[in-house]
Protein backbone atom coordinates (compact mmCIF):
# COMPACT_ATOMS: atom_id res chain seq x y z
CA MET A 1 113.37 0.74 -218.27
CA PHE A 2 110.60 -0.35 -220.13
CA ILE A 3 109.41 0.56 -223.52
CA ASN A 4 106.20 2.61 -223.45
CA LYS A 5 104.21 1.38 -226.45
CA ILE A 6 101.02 3.10 -225.43
CA PHE A 7 99.88 6.20 -227.40
CA MET A 8 96.77 7.48 -224.87
CA ASP A 9 94.78 9.03 -227.68
CA THR A 10 94.42 5.89 -229.60
CA ASN A 11 93.17 2.53 -229.11
CA LYS A 12 95.25 -0.70 -229.67
CA ILE A 13 94.35 -4.40 -230.73
CA ILE A 14 97.92 -6.49 -230.00
CA ASN A 15 98.62 -10.04 -231.12
CA ALA A 16 100.73 -11.22 -228.72
CA ASP A 17 101.49 -13.33 -225.62
CA SER A 18 99.71 -10.76 -222.86
CA LEU A 19 102.70 -11.70 -220.13
CA GLU A 20 105.09 -10.97 -222.25
CA HIS A 21 103.65 -7.94 -223.60
CA LEU A 22 102.35 -6.54 -220.47
CA LYS A 23 106.17 -6.88 -219.39
CA THR A 24 107.38 -4.62 -222.09
CA LEU A 25 105.03 -1.41 -221.12
CA ASP A 26 105.37 1.30 -218.65
CA GLU A 27 103.95 1.21 -215.33
CA ASN A 28 100.91 3.33 -214.94
CA VAL A 29 99.51 3.27 -217.68
CA PHE A 30 95.82 1.89 -217.28
CA ASP A 31 92.98 3.48 -215.68
CA SER A 32 91.21 0.21 -215.61
CA CYS A 33 91.61 -3.76 -216.88
CA VAL A 34 88.00 -5.40 -217.66
CA THR A 35 88.96 -9.32 -218.68
CA ASP A 36 87.67 -12.55 -219.11
CA PRO A 37 90.87 -14.90 -218.55
CA PRO A 38 90.98 -18.48 -219.28
CA TYR A 39 88.91 -20.56 -216.47
CA HIS A 40 91.19 -23.18 -216.82
CA LEU A 41 88.94 -26.44 -216.67
CA THR A 42 90.87 -28.53 -219.18
CA SER A 43 93.10 -30.75 -216.67
CA ILE A 44 91.62 -33.85 -218.60
CA VAL A 45 93.75 -32.79 -221.71
CA LYS A 46 97.22 -32.93 -219.51
CA ARG A 47 95.99 -36.06 -218.10
CA PHE A 48 95.01 -37.67 -221.18
CA THR A 49 97.10 -36.63 -224.03
CA LYS A 50 100.79 -37.24 -222.82
CA GLY A 51 102.04 -41.39 -221.81
CA PRO A 52 100.54 -44.02 -222.11
CA ALA A 53 97.31 -42.38 -221.39
CA ALA A 54 97.52 -40.37 -224.59
CA LYS A 55 95.62 -43.21 -226.91
CA HIS A 56 92.64 -42.77 -224.95
CA GLY A 57 93.01 -39.01 -225.57
CA LYS A 58 92.88 -39.86 -229.12
CA ASP A 59 90.78 -42.82 -230.18
CA GLY A 60 88.76 -43.77 -226.49
CA SER A 61 86.02 -42.72 -224.52
CA PHE A 62 88.34 -39.26 -223.36
CA GLN A 63 88.30 -38.18 -227.02
CA ARG A 64 85.97 -35.25 -226.74
CA LEU A 65 86.83 -34.20 -223.63
CA SER A 66 91.20 -34.56 -224.67
CA LYS A 67 90.51 -31.66 -226.95
CA GLY A 68 90.25 -29.09 -224.45
CA PHE A 69 87.14 -27.28 -223.61
CA MET A 70 84.61 -26.80 -225.83
CA GLY A 71 87.24 -27.87 -228.27
CA LYS A 72 89.69 -25.31 -227.35
CA GLU A 73 93.25 -25.87 -225.87
CA TRP A 74 93.86 -22.16 -224.80
CA ASP A 75 91.58 -22.50 -222.04
CA GLY A 76 94.23 -24.82 -220.14
CA GLY A 77 98.09 -23.94 -218.46
CA ASP A 78 97.20 -21.76 -215.63
CA ILE A 79 98.29 -18.59 -216.38
CA ALA A 80 95.37 -16.74 -214.86
CA PHE A 81 96.29 -18.65 -211.37
CA THR A 82 99.74 -17.19 -211.27
CA LYS A 83 101.09 -14.35 -208.94
CA GLU A 84 103.49 -13.33 -211.89
CA PHE A 85 100.67 -12.41 -214.70
CA TRP A 86 98.84 -10.42 -211.87
CA GLN A 87 102.00 -8.45 -211.19
CA GLU A 88 102.43 -6.91 -214.72
CA VAL A 89 98.95 -6.22 -214.73
CA TYR A 90 99.07 -4.42 -211.00
CA ARG A 91 102.19 -2.87 -212.31
CA THR A 92 100.73 -1.30 -215.60
CA MET A 93 97.61 0.02 -214.03
CA LYS A 94 97.36 3.29 -212.65
CA PRO A 95 96.92 4.14 -208.61
CA GLY A 96 93.63 3.51 -207.61
CA ALA A 97 92.84 1.59 -210.76
CA VAL A 98 90.40 -0.89 -210.69
CA LEU A 99 90.35 -4.66 -212.04
CA LEU A 100 87.30 -6.76 -212.88
CA ALA A 101 88.40 -10.71 -213.52
CA PHE A 102 85.45 -13.22 -214.73
CA SER A 103 86.52 -16.41 -213.34
CA ALA A 104 84.72 -20.02 -212.81
CA THR A 105 83.16 -21.18 -209.40
CA ARG A 106 84.97 -24.21 -209.07
CA ASN A 107 88.07 -22.44 -209.03
CA TYR A 108 87.82 -18.91 -208.45
CA HIS A 109 89.73 -19.11 -205.16
CA ARG A 110 92.96 -19.97 -207.18
CA MET A 111 92.88 -16.93 -209.55
CA ALA A 112 91.60 -14.36 -206.24
CA VAL A 113 94.76 -15.75 -204.21
CA ALA A 114 96.71 -15.09 -207.30
CA ILE A 115 95.55 -11.75 -207.60
CA GLU A 116 95.34 -10.56 -203.84
CA ASP A 117 99.42 -11.95 -203.62
CA ALA A 118 99.91 -10.13 -206.48
CA GLY A 119 99.72 -6.58 -204.50
CA PHE A 120 96.12 -5.93 -205.31
CA GLU A 121 93.01 -5.52 -203.05
CA ILE A 122 89.93 -7.38 -203.16
CA PHE A 123 87.55 -5.24 -202.08
CA ASP A 124 84.19 -7.40 -203.39
CA MET A 125 82.82 -10.35 -205.79
CA ILE A 126 80.26 -9.29 -208.39
CA ASN A 127 78.23 -12.31 -209.58
CA TRP A 128 76.37 -12.58 -213.08
CA ILE A 129 73.21 -14.95 -212.45
CA TYR A 130 71.70 -16.25 -215.96
CA GLY A 131 68.88 -19.15 -216.32
CA SER A 132 70.39 -20.83 -219.52
CA GLY A 133 73.08 -23.85 -219.31
CA PHE A 134 73.54 -27.33 -218.39
CA PRO A 135 75.74 -29.38 -216.27
CA LYS A 136 78.43 -31.03 -217.37
CA ARG A 137 77.80 -34.00 -215.75
CA ARG A 138 74.91 -35.82 -214.20
CA ASN A 139 76.37 -35.86 -210.90
CA LEU A 140 76.82 -31.74 -210.84
CA LEU A 141 74.34 -28.90 -210.58
CA LYS A 142 73.78 -26.85 -213.31
CA PRO A 143 75.37 -23.70 -214.06
CA ALA A 144 73.81 -20.65 -213.27
CA HIS A 145 76.29 -18.26 -212.38
CA GLU A 146 80.20 -16.84 -213.00
CA PRO A 147 81.99 -14.59 -210.45
CA ILE A 148 83.90 -11.45 -210.73
CA VAL A 149 87.01 -10.23 -209.00
CA MET A 150 86.23 -6.83 -207.88
CA ALA A 151 90.51 -5.85 -206.76
CA ARG A 152 91.97 -2.53 -206.53
CA LYS A 153 95.43 -1.00 -207.12
CA GLY A 154 96.21 1.18 -203.72
CA VAL A 155 93.99 4.14 -203.74
CA ASN A 156 90.57 3.63 -202.82
CA LYS A 157 89.34 5.74 -205.46
CA GLU A 158 84.93 6.29 -206.50
CA LEU A 159 83.35 3.84 -208.99
CA ASN A 160 81.36 5.29 -211.39
CA LEU A 161 77.70 4.19 -209.09
CA ASP A 162 75.50 7.00 -210.59
CA GLU A 163 76.29 6.23 -214.82
CA CYS A 164 75.22 2.79 -213.74
CA ARG A 165 72.25 3.20 -211.20
CA VAL A 166 69.35 0.06 -212.46
CA GLY A 167 65.79 1.22 -213.74
CA ASP A 168 64.17 4.59 -214.31
CA GLU A 169 62.37 5.11 -210.71
CA GLU A 170 62.95 7.90 -209.56
CA ILE A 171 63.77 7.65 -205.61
CA ASP A 172 63.98 10.50 -202.86
CA LEU A 173 67.06 9.80 -201.13
CA SER A 174 65.59 12.16 -198.19
CA LYS A 175 62.94 9.71 -197.09
CA ASN A 176 65.89 6.84 -196.63
CA ARG A 177 66.87 7.44 -192.76
CA ARG A 178 67.78 5.08 -190.37
CA HIS A 179 66.95 7.42 -187.81
CA LYS A 180 67.10 11.08 -187.13
CA GLN A 181 70.81 11.10 -185.24
CA GLU A 182 71.99 9.64 -187.68
CA GLY A 183 71.06 12.07 -190.78
CA THR A 184 70.14 11.46 -194.36
CA ILE A 185 71.30 9.52 -197.67
CA PHE A 186 73.19 11.61 -200.24
CA LYS A 187 74.63 10.35 -203.17
CA GLY A 188 78.40 10.49 -201.34
CA GLY A 189 76.59 8.95 -198.47
CA TRP A 190 75.27 9.46 -194.93
CA LYS A 191 75.39 13.09 -193.79
CA SER A 192 74.18 14.41 -190.44
CA GLU A 193 71.93 16.94 -191.90
CA ASP A 194 68.36 17.44 -193.24
CA GLY A 195 67.78 17.36 -197.31
CA GLY A 196 68.79 14.42 -199.44
CA GLU A 197 68.23 14.38 -203.14
CA ILE A 198 65.89 12.71 -206.31
CA VAL A 199 67.71 10.22 -208.08
CA LYS A 200 66.89 8.22 -211.17
CA GLY A 201 67.40 4.38 -210.37
CA ARG A 202 68.23 1.76 -207.75
CA TRP A 203 71.92 2.11 -206.39
CA PRO A 204 74.21 -0.57 -208.26
CA ALA A 205 74.22 -4.02 -206.12
CA ASN A 206 76.99 -6.89 -206.61
CA ILE A 207 74.77 -9.03 -208.58
CA ILE A 208 73.64 -8.76 -212.40
CA HIS A 209 71.47 -11.10 -213.50
CA ASP A 210 69.28 -12.65 -216.55
CA GLY A 211 65.78 -12.43 -214.96
CA GLU A 212 63.16 -9.78 -214.22
CA VAL A 213 63.97 -8.35 -210.60
CA SER A 214 64.24 -4.91 -210.63
CA SER A 215 66.50 -4.00 -208.13
CA TYR A 216 69.51 -5.93 -210.26
CA PHE A 217 70.99 -5.07 -213.18
CA TYR A 218 69.41 -6.88 -216.07
CA CYS A 219 71.91 -9.30 -218.65
CA ALA A 220 71.78 -12.50 -220.36
CA LYS A 221 74.00 -14.34 -221.92
CA ALA A 222 74.95 -13.61 -225.48
CA SER A 223 72.84 -14.89 -228.10
CA LYS A 224 73.81 -16.79 -231.47
CA LYS A 225 73.17 -13.22 -233.02
CA GLU A 226 75.67 -11.05 -231.05
CA LYS A 227 78.33 -14.10 -231.21
CA GLU A 228 78.03 -13.44 -235.18
CA ASP A 229 80.28 -15.93 -237.21
CA THR A 230 82.91 -16.16 -234.21
CA ASN A 231 83.78 -19.88 -233.42
CA HIS A 232 85.13 -18.70 -229.95
CA PRO A 233 82.91 -20.49 -227.13
CA THR A 234 82.67 -17.78 -224.32
CA VAL A 235 81.58 -14.42 -225.96
CA LYS A 236 80.45 -12.61 -223.09
CA PRO A 237 77.52 -10.27 -223.51
CA LEU A 238 78.28 -6.71 -224.87
CA GLU A 239 75.53 -5.45 -222.75
CA LEU A 240 77.23 -6.53 -219.47
CA MET A 241 80.53 -5.53 -220.63
CA LYS A 242 79.81 -1.95 -221.37
CA TYR A 243 78.02 -2.17 -218.01
CA LEU A 244 81.04 -3.57 -216.94
CA VAL A 245 83.58 -0.66 -218.10
CA ARG A 246 81.07 2.20 -217.30
CA LEU A 247 81.41 1.43 -213.26
CA VAL A 248 85.14 1.12 -213.16
CA THR A 249 87.08 2.93 -216.02
CA PRO A 250 86.55 6.89 -216.03
CA LYS A 251 85.11 9.01 -218.99
CA ASP A 252 88.14 9.40 -221.65
CA GLY A 253 90.13 6.60 -219.70
CA LEU A 254 91.89 3.76 -221.01
CA VAL A 255 90.81 0.21 -220.41
CA LEU A 256 93.20 -3.09 -220.41
CA ASP A 257 91.38 -6.68 -220.97
CA PRO A 258 94.56 -8.55 -221.75
CA PHE A 259 92.90 -11.93 -222.80
CA ALA A 260 90.44 -9.89 -225.10
CA GLY A 261 88.41 -13.02 -226.99
CA THR A 262 86.65 -11.62 -230.07
CA GLY A 263 86.82 -7.90 -228.13
CA THR A 264 83.97 -7.33 -226.83
CA THR A 265 85.55 -5.39 -223.91
CA GLY A 266 86.76 -3.34 -227.02
CA GLU A 267 83.68 -2.57 -228.54
CA ALA A 268 82.19 -1.71 -225.01
CA ALA A 269 84.99 0.65 -224.65
CA LEU A 270 83.67 1.99 -227.57
CA LEU A 271 80.23 2.53 -227.16
CA GLU A 272 81.04 4.22 -223.31
CA GLY A 273 83.07 6.63 -224.40
CA ARG A 274 86.50 5.38 -223.56
CA LYS A 275 89.39 3.96 -224.71
CA TYR A 276 90.30 0.00 -225.35
CA TYR A 277 94.28 -2.12 -225.19
CA LEU A 278 93.27 -5.31 -226.10
CA ILE A 279 95.93 -8.30 -226.46
CA GLU A 280 94.89 -11.60 -227.35
CA LYS A 281 97.28 -14.21 -228.19
CA THR A 282 95.31 -16.84 -231.30
CA GLU A 283 95.58 -15.47 -233.96
CA GLU A 284 92.59 -16.20 -235.19
CA TYR A 285 90.75 -13.80 -232.92
CA ILE A 286 92.51 -10.84 -234.27
CA LYS A 287 90.25 -10.64 -237.26
CA ASP A 288 86.84 -11.04 -235.04
CA ILE A 289 88.14 -8.19 -233.30
CA GLU A 290 89.07 -5.87 -236.36
CA ARG A 291 85.41 -6.32 -237.21
CA ARG A 292 83.97 -5.65 -233.59
CA VAL A 293 85.60 -2.36 -233.15
CA ASN A 294 85.17 -1.13 -237.15
CA LYS A 295 81.56 -1.98 -236.86
CA THR A 296 80.82 -0.16 -233.68
CA ILE A 297 83.23 3.23 -235.31
CA LEU A 298 81.11 2.67 -238.59
CA CYS A 299 78.34 2.71 -237.01
């Protein structure tokens, strides 16, 4: 018997280990999960901070790397690659609820396999493409995109696609025909009848970019101004999180973020008329989360 700590009419900020906390919650609670898990790029920490090699991590050529990704050791470990963690996320989500989870290009496959093994159906991947960034070593390509897993718990419910149309262009769907026998495009798909509708904006795609391409949703990386005073190294832009929350969370729905960071998902949920349930293990980021959501509530 699980203890239900969710109050559906309130938002929650929880300072706890996400796996252990999720185990205390009831099944079928959350309407979506939008999260940015640790990318686990700090294997160098394990290699150079223990045993005979430890001295190299402390005062040798690997001193900077031994402190973890951008100085943060929480990016180590492998929680985002474990079936057990995603099983708890799966259990606490409602049937048909959609999971969106960011990852790094080099180990996306490990997280995707864990999510699938936990019971989710992976039905697509969003690519967030950006121009800023730099190669981590001279013999590597410059990073220019981050993949986002799109996975669903069972039932094939509709996404909020019309709320996420791109641009202000008016499009006459009745003029977009394959051939006469197949029919006309309507909001709900192809129908064997004449007609169609006038819609505003293009159909959402599985690419999000930071350049001027009118067919796709545009969102650049978080600016220094947006990050404010936090020392969190991987803050996601608010406009991106608003778009993702709006895409997969029903109005007034409850979105889970088990790796809340500085609380961008929570702020996005408030601005989009949704509720949030944020879990963050690192205590120093709780004040960042509270500052974000309180600022939004007071606006």
